[in-house]
Amino acid sequence: MTTITVKAERAELLTFHELDEEIRAEFDYIEPDESYSPQFFSFTMGTGDDEHVEWYDLGEFMASTSPEFANWDGFHADTFFSAVLVKILTGDDEGFLKVAFAYS
């Protein structure tokens, strides 16, 4: 059984140039023509003393055929037993994602 925990209702998509220099260094593979596309977001992982912020490139997410993830647009496997899930929001929430953590 997979447990899905939604910790953030919305995460804003940012361009490469909107990221701090320290965070940009994590994405040194970005080509100049990709640097103005809003594709990066942060997500707070863990709880309590273990809580920390992770940054993600939406391009690293894949679509899933798993029925458990049917309501999500993509996933990024963090470990063999866990993944970050994203749902691309539209309308008034365009430019934002719904983000969740799934584990089994």
C-alpha atoms as a PDB file:
ATOM      1  CA  MET A   1       0.000   0.000   0.000  1.00  0.00           C
ATOM      2  CA  THR A   2       1.257   3.475  -0.877  1.00  0.00           C
ATOM      3  CA  THR A   3       0.716   6.441   1.423  1.00  0.00           C
ATOM      4  CA  ILE A   4       0.502   9.869  -0.223  1.00  0.00           C
ATOM      5  CA  THR A   5       1.113  12.903   1.994  1.00  0.00           C
ATOM      6  CA  VAL A   6       0.354  16.369   0.641  1.00  0.00           C
ATOM      7  CA  LYS A   7       2.575  18.805   2.557  1.00  0.00           C
ATOM      8  CA  ALA A   8       2.214  21.849   0.326  1.00  0.00           C
ATOM      9  CA  GLU A   9      -0.935  22.956  -1.403  1.00  0.00           C
ATOM     10  CA  ARG A  10       1.011  24.930  -3.984  1.00  0.00           C
ATOM     11  CA  ALA A  11       4.611  25.296  -5.085  1.00  0.00           C
ATOM     12  CA  GLU A  12       5.524  28.091  -7.469  1.00  0.00           C
ATOM     13  CA  LEU A  13       7.388  27.250 -10.665  1.00  0.00           C
ATOM     14  CA  LEU A  14      10.484  29.437 -11.086  1.00  0.00           C
ATOM     15  CA  THR A  15      12.895  30.061 -13.945  1.00  0.00           C
ATOM     16  CA  PHE A  16      16.598  29.270 -13.637  1.00  0.00           C
ATOM     17  CA  HIS A  17      17.329  33.001 -13.308  1.00  0.00           C
ATOM     18  CA  GLU A  18      14.958  33.360 -10.347  1.00  0.00           C
ATOM     19  CA  LEU A  19      16.948  30.816  -8.313  1.00  0.00           C
ATOM     20  CA  ASP A  20      19.690  31.848  -5.899  1.00  0.00           C
ATOM     21  CA  GLU A  21      23.210  31.271  -7.223  1.00  0.00           C
ATOM     22  CA  GLU A  22      23.777  28.419  -4.739  1.00  0.00           C
ATOM     23  CA  ILE A  23      20.670  26.592  -5.985  1.00  0.00           C
ATOM     24  CA  ARG A  24      21.526  27.240  -9.661  1.00  0.00           C
ATOM     25  CA  ALA A  25      24.772  25.326  -9.086  1.00  0.00           C
ATOM     26  CA  GLU A  26      22.684  22.172  -8.489  1.00  0.00           C
ATOM     27  CA  PHE A  27      21.268  22.511 -12.017  1.00  0.00           C
ATOM     28  CA  ASP A  28      24.485  23.225 -13.929  1.00  0.00           C
ATOM     29  CA  TYR A  29      23.249  21.112 -16.863  1.00  0.00           C
ATOM     30  CA  ILE A  30      20.648  23.731 -17.887  1.00  0.00           C
ATOM     31  CA  GLU A  31      21.265  25.110 -21.372  1.00  0.00           C
ATOM     32  CA  PRO A  32      20.849  28.866 -22.009  1.00  0.00           C
ATOM     33  CA  ASP A  33      17.711  28.344 -24.132  1.00  0.00           C
ATOM     34  CA  GLU A  34      16.076  26.447 -21.221  1.00  0.00           C
ATOM     35  CA  SER A  35      16.954  28.989 -18.557  1.00  0.00           C
ATOM     36  CA  TYR A  36      13.855  31.161 -19.009  1.00  0.00           C
ATOM     37  CA  SER A  37      11.284  28.345 -18.765  1.00  0.00           C
ATOM     38  CA  PRO A  38       9.562  28.117 -15.371  1.00  0.00           C
ATOM     39  CA  GLN A  39      10.484  24.583 -14.364  1.00  0.00           C
ATOM     40  CA  PHE A  40      12.033  24.651 -10.873  1.00  0.00           C
ATOM     41  CA  PHE A  41      10.315  24.372  -7.497  1.00  0.00           C
ATOM     42  CA  SER A  42      11.091  23.609  -3.877  1.00  0.00           C
ATOM     43  CA  PHE A  43       9.441  21.117  -1.560  1.00  0.00           C
ATOM     44  CA  THR A  44       9.919  20.718   2.183  1.00  0.00           C
ATOM     45  CA  MET A  45      10.800  17.124   3.005  1.00  0.00           C
ATOM     46  CA  GLY A  46      10.837  15.403   6.385  1.00  0.00           C
ATOM     47  CA  THR A  47       9.350  16.528   9.670  1.00  0.00           C
ATOM     48  CA  GLY A  48      10.605  18.128  12.864  1.00  0.00           C
ATOM     49  CA  ASP A  49      14.400  18.133  13.195  1.00  0.00           C
ATOM     50  CA  ASP A  50      14.686  16.214   9.905  1.00  0.00           C
ATOM     51  CA  GLU A  51      12.809  18.877   7.880  1.00  0.00           C
ATOM     52  CA  HIS A  52      14.753  20.285   4.919  1.00  0.00           C
ATOM     53  CA  VAL A  53      14.060  21.923   1.556  1.00  0.00           C
ATOM     54  CA  GLU A  54      14.769  20.081  -1.686  1.00  0.00           C
ATOM     55  CA  TRP A  55      14.826  21.742  -5.119  1.00  0.00           C
ATOM     56  CA  TYR A  56      13.544  19.950  -8.221  1.00  0.00           C
ATOM     57  CA  ASP A  57      13.588  20.400 -11.988  1.00  0.00           C
ATOM     58  CA  LEU A  58      10.174  19.542 -13.440  1.00  0.00           C
ATOM     59  CA  GLY A  59      12.029  18.024 -16.406  1.00  0.00           C
ATOM     60  CA  GLU A  60      13.226  15.219 -14.100  1.00  0.00           C
ATOM     61  CA  PHE A  61       9.655  14.020 -13.493  1.00  0.00           C
ATOM     62  CA  MET A  62       8.015  11.206 -15.449  1.00  0.00           C
ATOM     63  CA  ALA A  63       4.406  10.288 -16.125  1.00  0.00           C
ATOM     64  CA  SER A  64       3.135   7.230 -14.285  1.00  0.00           C
ATOM     65  CA  THR A  65       0.862   4.434 -15.409  1.00  0.00           C
ATOM     66  CA  SER A  66       0.306   3.336 -11.805  1.00  0.00           C
ATOM     67  CA  PRO A  67      -3.359   3.532 -10.742  1.00  0.00           C
ATOM     68  CA  GLU A  68      -2.183   4.880  -7.360  1.00  0.00           C
ATOM     69  CA  PHE A  69      -0.789   7.973  -9.073  1.00  0.00           C
ATOM     70  CA  ALA A  70      -3.688   8.461 -11.518  1.00  0.00           C
ATOM     71  CA  ASN A  71      -4.523  11.928 -10.135  1.00  0.00           C
ATOM     72  CA  TRP A  72      -0.942  13.171 -10.507  1.00  0.00           C
ATOM     73  CA  ASP A  73       0.840  14.456 -13.625  1.00  0.00           C
ATOM     74  CA  GLY A  74       4.301  13.174 -12.739  1.00  0.00           C
ATOM     75  CA  PHE A  75       6.610  11.580 -10.208  1.00  0.00           C
ATOM     76  CA  HIS A  76      10.282  11.652  -9.269  1.00  0.00           C
ATOM     77  CA  ALA A  77      11.601   8.579  -7.449  1.00  0.00           C
ATOM     78  CA  ASP A  78      13.662   9.738  -4.471  1.00  0.00           C
ATOM     79  CA  THR A  79      14.351   6.221  -3.231  1.00  0.00           C
ATOM     80  CA  PHE A  80      13.204   2.707  -4.089  1.00  0.00           C
ATOM     81  CA  PHE A  81      10.290   3.202  -1.676  1.00  0.00           C
ATOM     82  CA  SER A  82       9.432   6.904  -2.095  1.00  0.00           C
ATOM     83  CA  ALA A  83       8.632   9.537  -4.688  1.00  0.00           C
ATOM     84  CA  VAL A  84       7.663  13.180  -5.029  1.00  0.00           C
ATOM     85  CA  LEU A  85       4.413  13.677  -6.975  1.00  0.00           C
ATOM     86  CA  VAL A  86       3.307  16.777  -8.888  1.00  0.00           C
ATOM     87  CA  LYS A  87       0.021  17.999 -10.283  1.00  0.00           C
ATOM     88  CA  ILE A  88       0.260  20.949 -12.686  1.00  0.00           C
ATOM     89  CA  LEU A  89      -2.344  23.532 -11.705  1.00  0.00           C
ATOM     90  CA  THR A  90      -4.299  25.587 -14.219  1.00  0.00           C
ATOM     91  CA  GLY A  91      -6.629  28.584 -14.289  1.00  0.00           C
ATOM     92  CA  ASP A  92      -6.032  31.058 -11.450  1.00  0.00           C
ATOM     93  CA  ASP A  93      -3.289  28.742 -10.136  1.00  0.00           C
ATOM     94  CA  GLU A  94      -1.326  28.588 -13.408  1.00  0.00           C
ATOM     95  CA  GLY A  95       2.412  28.658 -12.721  1.00  0.00           C
ATOM     96  CA  PHE A  96       1.995  26.565  -9.589  1.00  0.00           C
ATOM     97  CA  LEU A  97       2.079  22.868  -8.713  1.00  0.00           C
ATOM     98  CA  LYS A  98       0.405  20.739  -6.103  1.00  0.00           C
ATOM     99  CA  VAL A  99       3.202  18.665  -4.569  1.00  0.00           C
ATOM    100  CA  ALA A 100       3.047  15.500  -2.480  1.00  0.00           C
ATOM    101  CA  PHE A 101       5.314  12.826  -1.046  1.00  0.00           C
ATOM    102  CA  ALA A 102       4.452   9.149  -1.585  1.00  0.00           C
ATOM    103  CA  TYR A 103       6.019   6.193   0.211  1.00  0.00           C
ATOM    104  CA  SER A 104       5.358   2.514   0.763  1.00  0.00           C
END
